[in-house]
Amino acid sequence: MWRHSRASRRTDQTMNRNRILGFAGLLTAVTICAGCSQQTAGTPSADTSSSSSQTGAPKVAQPLDPGAYLGNPCTIVPDQTITQLGYTDPGTPNTTSQTAVTGGPSCQWIMPDSAKTINIAIQRSSSGTDNGGIAKILSLNGSLFSFAEPTDVSGYPAAYADTQDDRPRGACSLWVGIQDDLTFLVATDQYSGAQDSCDTAKQIAAAVISKLQGGS
């Protein structure tokens, strides 16, 4: 029974990761296609900053560069943060799958003997295309997203958004804008309700921002 339950949790974790990261890849692909549709012969595509004014999304006053972590996305989260949250096993990076190539590299942590997971993804494709930033996230409210609620993390624009609202059951997806056209995603699952899952996501996001700013 215990082995079966553990195997079921692992299957759920894998399915959740695939859903989250596949969705992140879809979002980047949507942005790429949108840029293509805006182009005509001899005319550059529209600047993604125009989306910011249309959605009311704030500009990123102090952009951060995640480039140093694209090859190993697990290192974008400080080890101390992961340990404090109870995760003892190293994260599993995803940098070569089609999802990673299209939607950006990611990393997943699984809590031993528990269904809890953390996923983080940097929405920059292997070709260098970004996902349109928080403006894009907010603009998809009611279409690709069933909800998109603005917030902020350490002074950076952010949004809770997903295709369905699973926060009451302990799953939270938090998108954080670190450039006007670039976000990273923190997704938690199997936590104890909305506050636990989203507080954890926000704690991780704040730690990522601190590290990108030069912290440890």
N, C-alpha and C. Protein backbone atom coordinates (compact mmCIF):
# COMPACT_ATOMS: atom_id res chain seq x y z
N MET A 1 0.83 -1.20 0.00
CA MET A 1 0.00 0.00 0.00
C MET A 1 0.86 1.25 0.00
N TRP A 2 1.88 1.26 0.89
CA TRP A 2 2.75 2.44 0.98
C TRP A 2 3.50 2.67 -0.32
N ARG A 3 4.00 1.55 -0.90
CA ARG A 3 4.73 1.68 -2.16
C ARG A 3 3.82 2.19 -3.26
N HIS A 4 2.59 1.69 -3.26
CA HIS A 4 1.64 2.14 -4.28
C HIS A 4 1.34 3.62 -4.12
N SER A 5 1.15 4.07 -2.87
CA SER A 5 0.86 5.48 -2.62
C SER A 5 2.02 6.35 -3.05
N ARG A 6 3.24 5.90 -2.74
CA ARG A 6 4.41 6.67 -3.12
C ARG A 6 4.53 6.76 -4.63
N ALA A 7 4.28 5.63 -5.31
CA ALA A 7 4.33 5.63 -6.77
C ALA A 7 3.28 6.56 -7.35
N SER A 8 2.10 6.58 -6.73
CA SER A 8 1.04 7.47 -7.21
C SER A 8 1.43 8.92 -7.05
N ARG A 9 2.09 9.25 -5.92
CA ARG A 9 2.53 10.62 -5.71
C ARG A 9 3.54 11.03 -6.76
N ARG A 10 4.48 10.12 -7.07
CA ARG A 10 5.49 10.42 -8.09
C ARG A 10 4.83 10.66 -9.44
N THR A 11 3.81 9.85 -9.76
CA THR A 11 3.10 10.05 -11.02
C THR A 11 2.41 11.40 -11.04
N ASP A 12 1.76 11.76 -9.93
CA ASP A 12 1.09 13.06 -9.84
C ASP A 12 2.08 14.20 -9.99
N GLN A 13 3.26 14.06 -9.37
CA GLN A 13 4.29 15.09 -9.44
C GLN A 13 4.77 15.28 -10.87
N THR A 14 4.97 14.14 -11.58
CA THR A 14 5.42 14.21 -12.96
C THR A 14 4.36 14.86 -13.84
N MET A 15 3.10 14.48 -13.65
CA MET A 15 2.02 15.06 -14.44
C MET A 15 1.89 16.55 -14.17
N ASN A 16 2.04 16.95 -12.92
CA ASN A 16 1.93 18.36 -12.57
C ASN A 16 3.07 19.15 -13.19
N ARG A 17 4.28 18.58 -13.14
CA ARG A 17 5.42 19.28 -13.74
C ARG A 17 5.21 19.45 -15.23
N ASN A 18 4.78 18.39 -15.89
CA ASN A 18 4.55 18.47 -17.33
C ASN A 18 3.49 19.51 -17.67
N ARG A 19 2.42 19.59 -16.85
CA ARG A 19 1.37 20.57 -17.09
C ARG A 19 1.91 21.99 -16.95
N ILE A 20 2.62 22.23 -15.85
CA ILE A 20 3.13 23.57 -15.57
C ILE A 20 4.12 24.01 -16.64
N LEU A 21 5.09 23.15 -16.92
CA LEU A 21 6.15 23.55 -17.84
C LEU A 21 5.66 23.56 -19.28
N GLY A 22 4.74 22.65 -19.60
CA GLY A 22 4.16 22.69 -20.93
C GLY A 22 3.38 23.97 -21.14
N PHE A 23 2.71 24.42 -20.10
CA PHE A 23 1.96 25.67 -20.17
C PHE A 23 2.90 26.85 -20.32
N ALA A 24 4.02 26.83 -19.58
CA ALA A 24 5.00 27.91 -19.71
C ALA A 24 5.56 27.97 -21.13
N GLY A 25 5.79 26.78 -21.71
CA GLY A 25 6.26 26.74 -23.09
C GLY A 25 5.23 27.27 -24.06
N LEU A 26 3.97 26.93 -23.81
CA LEU A 26 2.89 27.42 -24.66
C LEU A 26 2.81 28.94 -24.61
N LEU A 27 2.99 29.50 -23.42
CA LEU A 27 2.93 30.95 -23.28
C LEU A 27 4.00 31.62 -24.11
N THR A 28 5.23 31.09 -24.06
CA THR A 28 6.31 31.66 -24.86
C THR A 28 6.02 31.51 -26.35
N ALA A 29 5.48 30.34 -26.73
CA ALA A 29 5.14 30.12 -28.13
C ALA A 29 4.07 31.09 -28.60
N VAL A 30 3.09 31.36 -27.74
CA VAL A 30 2.05 32.34 -28.08
C VAL A 30 2.67 33.70 -28.34
N THR A 31 3.64 34.07 -27.52
CA THR A 31 4.31 35.36 -27.68
C THR A 31 5.07 35.42 -28.99
N ILE A 32 5.78 34.32 -29.30
CA ILE A 32 6.53 34.27 -30.55
C ILE A 32 5.59 34.43 -31.74
N CYS A 33 4.47 33.68 -31.73
CA CYS A 33 3.51 33.76 -32.83
C CYS A 33 2.89 35.14 -32.92
N ALA A 34 2.63 35.76 -31.79
CA ALA A 34 2.06 37.10 -31.79
C ALA A 34 3.01 38.08 -32.44
N GLY A 35 4.30 37.92 -32.15
CA GLY A 35 5.29 38.79 -32.76
C GLY A 35 5.35 38.60 -34.27
N CYS A 36 5.20 37.34 -34.71
CA CYS A 36 5.23 37.07 -36.14
C CYS A 36 4.03 37.70 -36.83
N SER A 37 2.86 37.61 -36.19
CA SER A 37 1.64 38.11 -36.83
C SER A 37 1.64 39.62 -36.95
N GLN A 38 2.47 40.29 -36.13
CA GLN A 38 2.50 41.74 -36.17
C GLN A 38 3.44 42.27 -37.24
N GLN A 39 4.25 41.37 -37.83
CA GLN A 39 5.24 41.82 -38.79
C GLN A 39 4.69 41.86 -40.20
N THR A 40 5.10 42.85 -40.94
CA THR A 40 4.86 42.91 -42.38
C THR A 40 6.20 43.12 -43.03
N ALA A 41 6.26 42.97 -44.34
CA ALA A 41 7.54 43.09 -45.04
C ALA A 41 8.18 44.43 -44.75
N GLY A 42 9.41 44.37 -44.25
CA GLY A 42 10.18 45.58 -43.99
C GLY A 42 9.75 46.32 -42.75
N THR A 43 8.85 45.71 -41.93
CA THR A 43 8.36 46.38 -40.73
C THR A 43 8.71 45.56 -39.51
N PRO A 44 9.42 46.12 -38.54
CA PRO A 44 9.75 45.37 -37.33
C PRO A 44 8.51 45.09 -36.50
N SER A 45 8.58 44.01 -35.69
CA SER A 45 7.43 43.68 -34.84
C SER A 45 7.26 44.74 -33.78
N ALA A 46 6.03 44.80 -33.26
CA ALA A 46 5.72 45.82 -32.25
C ALA A 46 6.50 45.56 -30.98
N ASP A 47 6.94 46.61 -30.31
CA ASP A 47 7.65 46.51 -29.05
C ASP A 47 6.71 45.98 -28.00
N THR A 48 7.19 44.97 -27.20
CA THR A 48 6.33 44.39 -26.17
C THR A 48 5.99 45.39 -25.10
N SER A 49 6.69 46.53 -25.04
CA SER A 49 6.39 47.52 -24.02
C SER A 49 5.00 48.12 -24.22
N SER A 50 4.47 48.03 -25.46
CA SER A 50 3.14 48.56 -25.71
C SER A 50 2.10 47.78 -24.93
N SER A 51 2.36 46.50 -24.68
CA SER A 51 1.43 45.69 -23.91
C SER A 51 1.33 46.20 -22.48
N SER A 52 2.42 46.75 -21.97
CA SER A 52 2.42 47.24 -20.60
C SER A 52 1.40 48.35 -20.42
N SER A 53 1.36 49.28 -21.37
CA SER A 53 0.42 50.39 -21.26
C SER A 53 -1.01 49.91 -21.45
N GLN A 54 -1.21 48.89 -22.28
CA GLN A 54 -2.56 48.40 -22.54
C GLN A 54 -3.14 47.65 -21.35
N THR A 55 -2.29 46.94 -20.59
CA THR A 55 -2.78 46.14 -19.47
C THR A 55 -2.62 46.84 -18.14
N GLY A 56 -1.91 47.95 -18.11
CA GLY A 56 -1.66 48.63 -16.86
C GLY A 56 -0.53 48.01 -16.06
N ALA A 57 0.19 47.08 -16.65
CA ALA A 57 1.30 46.43 -15.95
C ALA A 57 2.42 47.43 -15.74
N PRO A 58 2.98 47.50 -14.53
CA PRO A 58 4.07 48.44 -14.27
C PRO A 58 5.34 48.04 -14.99
N LYS A 59 6.13 49.03 -15.33
CA LYS A 59 7.44 48.78 -15.92
C LYS A 59 8.38 48.20 -14.86
N VAL A 60 9.38 47.48 -15.30
CA VAL A 60 10.41 46.97 -14.40
C VAL A 60 11.50 48.03 -14.30
N ALA A 61 11.57 48.68 -13.15
CA ALA A 61 12.47 49.82 -12.99
C ALA A 61 13.93 49.41 -12.98
N GLN A 62 14.23 48.25 -12.41
CA GLN A 62 15.60 47.76 -12.33
C GLN A 62 15.66 46.33 -12.86
N PRO A 63 15.79 46.19 -14.19
CA PRO A 63 15.79 44.86 -14.80
C PRO A 63 16.90 43.96 -14.26
N LEU A 64 16.60 42.68 -14.20
CA LEU A 64 17.56 41.68 -13.74
C LEU A 64 17.84 40.69 -14.86
N ASP A 65 19.07 40.21 -14.92
CA ASP A 65 19.49 39.31 -15.99
C ASP A 65 19.70 37.89 -15.44
N PRO A 66 18.88 36.92 -15.89
CA PRO A 66 19.03 35.54 -15.42
C PRO A 66 19.96 34.71 -16.28
N GLY A 67 20.67 35.35 -17.21
CA GLY A 67 21.47 34.62 -18.19
C GLY A 67 22.44 33.62 -17.61
N ALA A 68 23.02 33.94 -16.46
CA ALA A 68 24.02 33.05 -15.86
C ALA A 68 23.41 31.74 -15.37
N TYR A 69 22.08 31.67 -15.28
CA TYR A 69 21.43 30.49 -14.72
C TYR A 69 20.67 29.67 -15.76
N LEU A 70 20.71 30.08 -17.01
CA LEU A 70 19.95 29.36 -18.04
C LEU A 70 20.47 27.95 -18.24
N GLY A 71 21.77 27.75 -18.08
CA GLY A 71 22.35 26.43 -18.26
C GLY A 71 22.11 25.50 -17.08
N ASN A 72 21.88 26.06 -15.92
CA ASN A 72 21.60 25.27 -14.71
C ASN A 72 20.57 26.01 -13.87
N PRO A 73 19.31 25.92 -14.25
CA PRO A 73 18.26 26.72 -13.60
C PRO A 73 18.07 26.41 -12.12
N CYS A 74 18.50 25.24 -11.67
CA CYS A 74 18.33 24.90 -10.25
C CYS A 74 19.12 25.85 -9.35
N THR A 75 20.20 26.41 -9.88
CA THR A 75 21.06 27.26 -9.05
C THR A 75 20.52 28.68 -8.90
N ILE A 76 19.42 29.00 -9.56
CA ILE A 76 18.86 30.35 -9.42
C ILE A 76 18.17 30.53 -8.07
N VAL A 77 17.84 29.42 -7.41
CA VAL A 77 17.26 29.47 -6.06
C VAL A 77 18.37 29.16 -5.06
N PRO A 78 18.59 30.02 -4.07
CA PRO A 78 19.64 29.74 -3.08
C PRO A 78 19.41 28.40 -2.37
N ASP A 79 20.49 27.65 -2.17
CA ASP A 79 20.38 26.36 -1.49
C ASP A 79 19.75 26.51 -0.10
N GLN A 80 20.08 27.59 0.58
CA GLN A 80 19.56 27.81 1.93
C GLN A 80 18.04 27.89 1.93
N THR A 81 17.48 28.53 0.91
CA THR A 81 16.03 28.64 0.82
C THR A 81 15.38 27.28 0.65
N ILE A 82 15.93 26.47 -0.23
CA ILE A 82 15.40 25.14 -0.48
C ILE A 82 15.47 24.29 0.79
N THR A 83 16.60 24.36 1.48
CA THR A 83 16.78 23.58 2.71
C THR A 83 15.81 24.02 3.80
N GLN A 84 15.63 25.32 3.94
CA GLN A 84 14.71 25.84 4.95
C GLN A 84 13.28 25.38 4.72
N LEU A 85 12.94 25.14 3.48
CA LEU A 85 11.59 24.70 3.14
C LEU A 85 11.40 23.20 3.31
N GLY A 86 12.48 22.49 3.68
CA GLY A 86 12.37 21.07 3.97
C GLY A 86 12.76 20.14 2.84
N TYR A 87 13.31 20.68 1.77
CA TYR A 87 13.73 19.85 0.63
C TYR A 87 15.19 19.46 0.81
N THR A 88 15.45 18.16 0.82
CA THR A 88 16.81 17.67 1.05
C THR A 88 17.47 17.13 -0.22
N ASP A 89 16.67 16.72 -1.18
CA ASP A 89 17.22 16.21 -2.44
C ASP A 89 17.50 17.36 -3.40
N PRO A 90 18.53 17.24 -4.23
CA PRO A 90 18.81 18.30 -5.20
C PRO A 90 17.70 18.42 -6.24
N GLY A 91 17.59 19.59 -6.83
CA GLY A 91 16.60 19.79 -7.88
C GLY A 91 16.98 19.07 -9.15
N THR A 92 15.98 18.80 -9.97
CA THR A 92 16.19 18.14 -11.27
C THR A 92 16.02 19.16 -12.38
N PRO A 93 17.11 19.49 -13.09
CA PRO A 93 17.01 20.51 -14.15
C PRO A 93 16.39 19.94 -15.42
N ASN A 94 15.77 20.81 -16.18
CA ASN A 94 15.24 20.46 -17.50
C ASN A 94 15.67 21.56 -18.46
N THR A 95 16.68 21.25 -19.26
CA THR A 95 17.23 22.25 -20.18
C THR A 95 17.24 21.80 -21.63
N THR A 96 16.94 20.52 -21.89
CA THR A 96 17.09 20.01 -23.25
C THR A 96 15.80 19.48 -23.87
N SER A 97 14.74 19.32 -23.09
CA SER A 97 13.49 18.82 -23.66
C SER A 97 12.90 19.87 -24.60
N GLN A 98 11.92 19.47 -25.39
CA GLN A 98 11.27 20.41 -26.30
C GLN A 98 10.60 21.53 -25.54
N THR A 99 10.04 21.20 -24.37
CA THR A 99 9.42 22.22 -23.54
C THR A 99 10.43 23.26 -23.10
N ALA A 100 11.62 22.80 -22.70
CA ALA A 100 12.67 23.73 -22.26
C ALA A 100 13.18 24.56 -23.42
N VAL A 101 13.32 23.95 -24.58
CA VAL A 101 13.81 24.67 -25.75
C VAL A 101 12.83 25.77 -26.14
N THR A 102 11.54 25.46 -26.08
CA THR A 102 10.51 26.42 -26.49
C THR A 102 10.18 27.43 -25.40
N GLY A 103 10.02 26.93 -24.17
CA GLY A 103 9.52 27.78 -23.10
C GLY A 103 10.53 28.24 -22.09
N GLY A 104 11.75 27.70 -22.15
CA GLY A 104 12.79 28.10 -21.21
C GLY A 104 13.14 27.00 -20.23
N PRO A 105 14.34 27.05 -19.66
CA PRO A 105 14.81 26.02 -18.73
C PRO A 105 14.04 26.05 -17.41
N SER A 106 14.05 24.90 -16.74
CA SER A 106 13.29 24.80 -15.49
C SER A 106 13.99 23.86 -14.52
N CYS A 107 13.49 23.82 -13.30
CA CYS A 107 14.00 22.91 -12.28
C CYS A 107 12.86 22.50 -11.37
N GLN A 108 12.89 21.26 -10.91
CA GLN A 108 11.88 20.76 -9.99
C GLN A 108 12.54 20.16 -8.75
N TRP A 109 11.96 20.49 -7.59
CA TRP A 109 12.35 19.87 -6.33
C TRP A 109 11.18 19.05 -5.81
N ILE A 110 11.47 17.87 -5.30
CA ILE A 110 10.45 16.99 -4.72
C ILE A 110 10.83 16.72 -3.27
N MET A 111 9.87 16.89 -2.36
CA MET A 111 10.13 16.61 -0.96
C MET A 111 10.03 15.10 -0.72
N PRO A 112 11.08 14.49 -0.17
CA PRO A 112 11.07 13.04 0.06
C PRO A 112 9.87 12.61 0.90
N ASP A 113 9.26 11.50 0.50
CA ASP A 113 8.12 10.92 1.21
C ASP A 113 6.96 11.90 1.36
N SER A 114 6.85 12.80 0.41
CA SER A 114 5.76 13.78 0.43
C SER A 114 5.39 14.11 -1.01
N ALA A 115 4.19 14.61 -1.19
CA ALA A 115 3.75 15.00 -2.54
C ALA A 115 4.13 16.43 -2.87
N LYS A 116 4.72 17.16 -1.91
CA LYS A 116 5.04 18.57 -2.15
C LYS A 116 6.10 18.72 -3.24
N THR A 117 5.88 19.71 -4.12
CA THR A 117 6.86 20.01 -5.16
C THR A 117 7.00 21.51 -5.35
N ILE A 118 8.17 21.88 -5.84
CA ILE A 118 8.44 23.25 -6.29
C ILE A 118 8.97 23.16 -7.71
N ASN A 119 8.42 23.96 -8.59
CA ASN A 119 8.94 24.09 -9.95
C ASN A 119 9.30 25.55 -10.20
N ILE A 120 10.42 25.77 -10.86
CA ILE A 120 10.77 27.13 -11.27
C ILE A 120 11.18 27.08 -12.73
N ALA A 121 10.75 28.07 -13.48
CA ALA A 121 11.07 28.13 -14.91
C ALA A 121 11.41 29.57 -15.29
N ILE A 122 12.40 29.71 -16.15
CA ILE A 122 12.79 31.02 -16.67
C ILE A 122 12.29 31.09 -18.10
N GLN A 123 11.37 32.01 -18.40
CA GLN A 123 10.69 32.01 -19.69
C GLN A 123 11.50 32.66 -20.81
N ARG A 124 12.65 32.05 -21.09
CA ARG A 124 13.46 32.49 -22.22
C ARG A 124 13.79 31.26 -23.05
N SER A 125 13.35 31.24 -24.31
CA SER A 125 13.57 30.08 -25.17
C SER A 125 15.04 29.98 -25.56
N SER A 126 15.41 28.83 -26.13
CA SER A 126 16.80 28.63 -26.52
C SER A 126 17.22 29.59 -27.63
N SER A 127 16.25 30.15 -28.35
CA SER A 127 16.57 31.12 -29.40
C SER A 127 16.71 32.53 -28.85
N GLY A 128 16.46 32.69 -27.54
CA GLY A 128 16.60 34.00 -26.91
C GLY A 128 15.32 34.79 -26.85
N THR A 129 14.20 34.18 -27.27
CA THR A 129 12.91 34.87 -27.23
C THR A 129 12.33 34.84 -25.82
N ASP A 130 11.88 35.99 -25.34
CA ASP A 130 11.26 36.07 -24.02
C ASP A 130 9.74 35.97 -24.16
N ASN A 131 9.03 35.90 -23.03
CA ASN A 131 7.60 35.57 -23.08
C ASN A 131 6.66 36.77 -23.05
N GLY A 132 7.18 37.98 -23.07
CA GLY A 132 6.30 39.15 -23.09
C GLY A 132 6.09 39.80 -21.74
N GLY A 133 6.66 39.20 -20.68
CA GLY A 133 6.62 39.83 -19.37
C GLY A 133 5.26 39.77 -18.69
N ILE A 134 5.17 40.49 -17.57
CA ILE A 134 3.93 40.52 -16.79
C ILE A 134 2.78 41.10 -17.61
N ALA A 135 3.08 42.02 -18.51
CA ALA A 135 2.03 42.57 -19.37
C ALA A 135 1.35 41.46 -20.16
N LYS A 136 2.13 40.52 -20.67
CA LYS A 136 1.55 39.40 -21.42
C LYS A 136 0.71 38.52 -20.50
N ILE A 137 1.22 38.25 -19.30
CA ILE A 137 0.47 37.42 -18.35
C ILE A 137 -0.91 38.03 -18.08
N LEU A 138 -0.93 39.31 -17.76
CA LEU A 138 -2.19 39.98 -17.43
C LEU A 138 -3.12 40.07 -18.64
N SER A 139 -2.55 40.20 -19.83
CA SER A 139 -3.37 40.33 -21.03
C SER A 139 -4.10 39.03 -21.37
N LEU A 140 -3.62 37.91 -20.83
CA LEU A 140 -4.23 36.61 -21.13
C LEU A 140 -5.29 36.21 -20.11
N ASN A 141 -5.60 37.10 -19.18
CA ASN A 141 -6.66 36.83 -18.21
C ASN A 141 -8.00 36.69 -18.93
N GLY A 142 -8.67 35.57 -18.69
CA GLY A 142 -9.95 35.33 -19.34
C GLY A 142 -9.84 34.60 -20.66
N SER A 143 -8.62 34.37 -21.14
CA SER A 143 -8.44 33.59 -22.36
C SER A 143 -7.60 32.36 -22.04
N LEU A 144 -6.29 32.48 -22.10
CA LEU A 144 -5.44 31.35 -21.74
C LEU A 144 -5.49 31.09 -20.24
N PHE A 145 -5.62 32.16 -19.45
CA PHE A 145 -5.73 32.05 -17.99
C PHE A 145 -7.19 32.17 -17.56
N SER A 146 -7.56 31.42 -16.53
CA SER A 146 -8.88 31.61 -15.93
C SER A 146 -8.84 32.73 -14.90
N PHE A 147 -7.65 33.08 -14.43
CA PHE A 147 -7.48 34.22 -13.53
C PHE A 147 -6.04 34.72 -13.63
N ALA A 148 -5.86 36.01 -13.39
CA ALA A 148 -4.53 36.62 -13.34
C ALA A 148 -4.62 37.80 -12.38
N GLU A 149 -4.06 37.63 -11.20
CA GLU A 149 -4.19 38.62 -10.13
C GLU A 149 -2.85 39.31 -9.89
N PRO A 150 -2.78 40.63 -10.13
CA PRO A 150 -1.52 41.35 -9.94
C PRO A 150 -1.07 41.35 -8.48
N THR A 151 0.22 41.28 -8.27
CA THR A 151 0.84 41.43 -6.96
C THR A 151 2.25 41.95 -7.21
N ASP A 152 3.10 41.92 -6.21
CA ASP A 152 4.49 42.27 -6.42
C ASP A 152 5.36 41.45 -5.49
N VAL A 153 6.61 41.29 -5.88
CA VAL A 153 7.59 40.56 -5.08
C VAL A 153 8.84 41.40 -4.98
N SER A 154 9.15 41.85 -3.80
CA SER A 154 10.35 42.67 -3.56
C SER A 154 10.41 43.87 -4.50
N GLY A 155 9.25 44.46 -4.79
CA GLY A 155 9.19 45.63 -5.65
C GLY A 155 9.11 45.33 -7.13
N TYR A 156 9.09 44.04 -7.51
CA TYR A 156 8.99 43.65 -8.92
C TYR A 156 7.55 43.22 -9.23
N PRO A 157 7.02 43.62 -10.39
CA PRO A 157 5.64 43.27 -10.74
C PRO A 157 5.47 41.77 -10.89
N ALA A 158 4.36 41.26 -10.41
CA ALA A 158 4.12 39.82 -10.44
C ALA A 158 2.63 39.57 -10.56
N ALA A 159 2.29 38.31 -10.76
CA ALA A 159 0.88 37.94 -10.87
C ALA A 159 0.70 36.47 -10.52
N TYR A 160 -0.37 36.20 -9.78
CA TYR A 160 -0.83 34.82 -9.61
C TYR A 160 -1.73 34.52 -10.80
N ALA A 161 -1.40 33.49 -11.56
CA ALA A 161 -2.18 33.18 -12.75
C ALA A 161 -2.04 31.71 -13.11
N ASP A 162 -3.13 31.14 -13.63
CA ASP A 162 -3.09 29.75 -14.07
C ASP A 162 -4.32 29.48 -14.92
N THR A 163 -4.33 28.32 -15.55
CA THR A 163 -5.46 27.94 -16.38
C THR A 163 -6.68 27.58 -15.55
N GLN A 164 -6.46 27.19 -14.31
CA GLN A 164 -7.55 26.95 -13.37
C GLN A 164 -7.05 27.31 -11.98
N ASP A 165 -7.96 27.71 -11.10
CA ASP A 165 -7.57 28.16 -9.77
C ASP A 165 -7.52 26.97 -8.81
N ASP A 166 -6.31 26.43 -8.63
CA ASP A 166 -6.12 25.30 -7.73
C ASP A 166 -5.50 25.73 -6.40
N ARG A 167 -5.51 27.02 -6.12
CA ARG A 167 -4.92 27.48 -4.87
C ARG A 167 -5.59 26.89 -3.63
N PRO A 168 -6.91 26.74 -3.61
CA PRO A 168 -7.54 26.15 -2.43
C PRO A 168 -7.04 24.75 -2.10
N ARG A 169 -6.59 24.01 -3.12
CA ARG A 169 -6.08 22.66 -2.85
C ARG A 169 -4.55 22.64 -2.69
N GLY A 170 -3.93 23.82 -2.65
CA GLY A 170 -2.51 23.89 -2.33
C GLY A 170 -1.57 23.97 -3.51
N ALA A 171 -2.06 24.47 -4.65
CA ALA A 171 -1.22 24.65 -5.84
C ALA A 171 -1.24 26.11 -6.24
N CYS A 172 -0.08 26.72 -6.37
CA CYS A 172 0.00 28.16 -6.65
C CYS A 172 1.04 28.43 -7.73
N SER A 173 0.67 29.22 -8.73
CA SER A 173 1.58 29.61 -9.81
C SER A 173 1.80 31.12 -9.75
N LEU A 174 3.04 31.52 -9.54
CA LEU A 174 3.39 32.93 -9.40
C LEU A 174 4.40 33.32 -10.47
N TRP A 175 4.03 34.31 -11.29
CA TRP A 175 4.88 34.80 -12.37
C TRP A 175 5.47 36.15 -11.93
N VAL A 176 6.77 36.32 -12.11
CA VAL A 176 7.44 37.53 -11.64
C VAL A 176 8.19 38.19 -12.80
N GLY A 177 7.93 39.47 -13.02
CA GLY A 177 8.59 40.20 -14.10
C GLY A 177 9.94 40.73 -13.65
N ILE A 178 11.01 40.29 -14.32
CA ILE A 178 12.34 40.79 -14.01
C ILE A 178 12.89 41.67 -15.14
N GLN A 179 12.21 41.67 -16.26
CA GLN A 179 12.43 42.62 -17.35
C GLN A 179 11.05 42.92 -17.91
N ASP A 180 10.92 43.97 -18.70
CA ASP A 180 9.60 44.31 -19.24
C ASP A 180 9.02 43.19 -20.08
N ASP A 181 9.88 42.38 -20.69
CA ASP A 181 9.40 41.31 -21.57
C ASP A 181 9.79 39.92 -21.08
N LEU A 182 10.14 39.79 -19.79
CA LEU A 182 10.60 38.49 -19.30
C LEU A 182 10.11 38.23 -17.87
N THR A 183 9.62 37.02 -17.65
CA THR A 183 9.23 36.59 -16.31
C THR A 183 9.92 35.29 -15.96
N PHE A 184 9.91 34.99 -14.67
CA PHE A 184 10.17 33.61 -14.25
C PHE A 184 8.94 33.14 -13.49
N LEU A 185 8.75 31.83 -13.47
CA LEU A 185 7.58 31.22 -12.85
C LEU A 185 8.00 30.37 -11.67
N VAL A 186 7.30 30.53 -10.55
CA VAL A 186 7.44 29.63 -9.41
C VAL A 186 6.09 28.95 -9.21
N ALA A 187 6.09 27.63 -9.22
CA ALA A 187 4.84 26.87 -9.04
C ALA A 187 5.01 25.87 -7.91
N THR A 188 4.13 25.93 -6.94
CA THR A 188 4.13 24.98 -5.83
C THR A 188 2.90 24.10 -5.92
N ASP A 189 3.01 22.89 -5.37
CA ASP A 189 1.86 21.98 -5.42
C ASP A 189 1.83 21.09 -4.19
N GLN A 190 0.63 20.67 -3.83
CA GLN A 190 0.38 19.76 -2.71
C GLN A 190 0.70 20.39 -1.36
N TYR A 191 0.53 21.70 -1.26
CA TYR A 191 0.68 22.39 0.02
C TYR A 191 -0.68 22.46 0.72
N SER A 192 -0.71 23.08 1.89
CA SER A 192 -1.93 23.10 2.70
C SER A 192 -2.77 24.33 2.42
N GLY A 193 -3.39 24.35 1.26
CA GLY A 193 -4.28 25.45 0.91
C GLY A 193 -3.60 26.60 0.22
N ALA A 194 -4.39 27.64 -0.02
CA ALA A 194 -3.92 28.78 -0.83
C ALA A 194 -2.81 29.56 -0.15
N GLN A 195 -2.98 29.87 1.13
CA GLN A 195 -1.98 30.71 1.79
C GLN A 195 -0.63 30.01 1.88
N ASP A 196 -0.63 28.74 2.26
CA ASP A 196 0.62 27.99 2.39
C ASP A 196 1.34 27.90 1.05
N SER A 197 0.61 27.54 0.00
CA SER A 197 1.24 27.35 -1.31
C SER A 197 1.74 28.66 -1.89
N CYS A 198 0.95 29.73 -1.77
CA CYS A 198 1.34 31.01 -2.36
C CYS A 198 2.39 31.74 -1.53
N ASP A 199 2.34 31.59 -0.20
CA ASP A 199 3.40 32.17 0.63
C ASP A 199 4.74 31.51 0.31
N THR A 200 4.72 30.20 0.09
CA THR A 200 5.94 29.49 -0.27
C THR A 200 6.46 29.96 -1.62
N ALA A 201 5.57 30.09 -2.59
CA ALA A 201 5.97 30.57 -3.91
C ALA A 201 6.58 31.96 -3.83
N LYS A 202 5.97 32.82 -3.02
CA LYS A 202 6.47 34.19 -2.88
C LYS A 202 7.82 34.23 -2.17
N GLN A 203 8.01 33.36 -1.18
CA GLN A 203 9.30 33.27 -0.49
C GLN A 203 10.41 32.88 -1.45
N ILE A 204 10.12 31.89 -2.30
CA ILE A 204 11.11 31.45 -3.28
C ILE A 204 11.40 32.56 -4.28
N ALA A 205 10.36 33.21 -4.76
CA ALA A 205 10.53 34.28 -5.75
C ALA A 205 11.38 35.41 -5.18
N ALA A 206 11.14 35.77 -3.92
CA ALA A 206 11.93 36.83 -3.29
C ALA A 206 13.40 36.43 -3.17
N ALA A 207 13.64 35.15 -2.88
CA ALA A 207 15.02 34.66 -2.79
C ALA A 207 15.70 34.69 -4.15
N VAL A 208 14.96 34.38 -5.21
CA VAL A 208 15.51 34.44 -6.57
C VAL A 208 15.89 35.87 -6.92
N ILE A 209 15.01 36.81 -6.64
CA ILE A 209 15.29 38.21 -6.93
C ILE A 209 16.53 38.67 -6.18
N SER A 210 16.62 38.31 -4.90
CA SER A 210 17.79 38.68 -4.10
C SER A 210 19.08 38.14 -4.72
N LYS A 211 19.03 36.89 -5.20
CA LYS A 211 20.22 36.30 -5.80
C LYS A 211 20.57 37.00 -7.11
N LEU A 212 19.56 37.31 -7.92
CA LEU A 212 19.82 38.01 -9.18
C LEU A 212 20.37 39.42 -8.94
N GLN A 213 20.05 39.98 -7.78
CA GLN A 213 20.57 41.30 -7.43
C GLN A 213 21.98 41.25 -6.87
N GLY A 214 22.50 40.04 -6.74
CA GLY A 214 23.87 39.89 -6.25
C GLY A 214 23.98 39.29 -4.88
N GLY A 215 22.83 38.87 -4.31
CA GLY A 215 22.85 38.23 -3.01
C GLY A 215 23.24 36.78 -3.13
N SER A 216 23.29 36.10 -1.99
CA SER A 216 23.69 34.69 -2.00
C SER A 216 22.47 33.78 -1.90
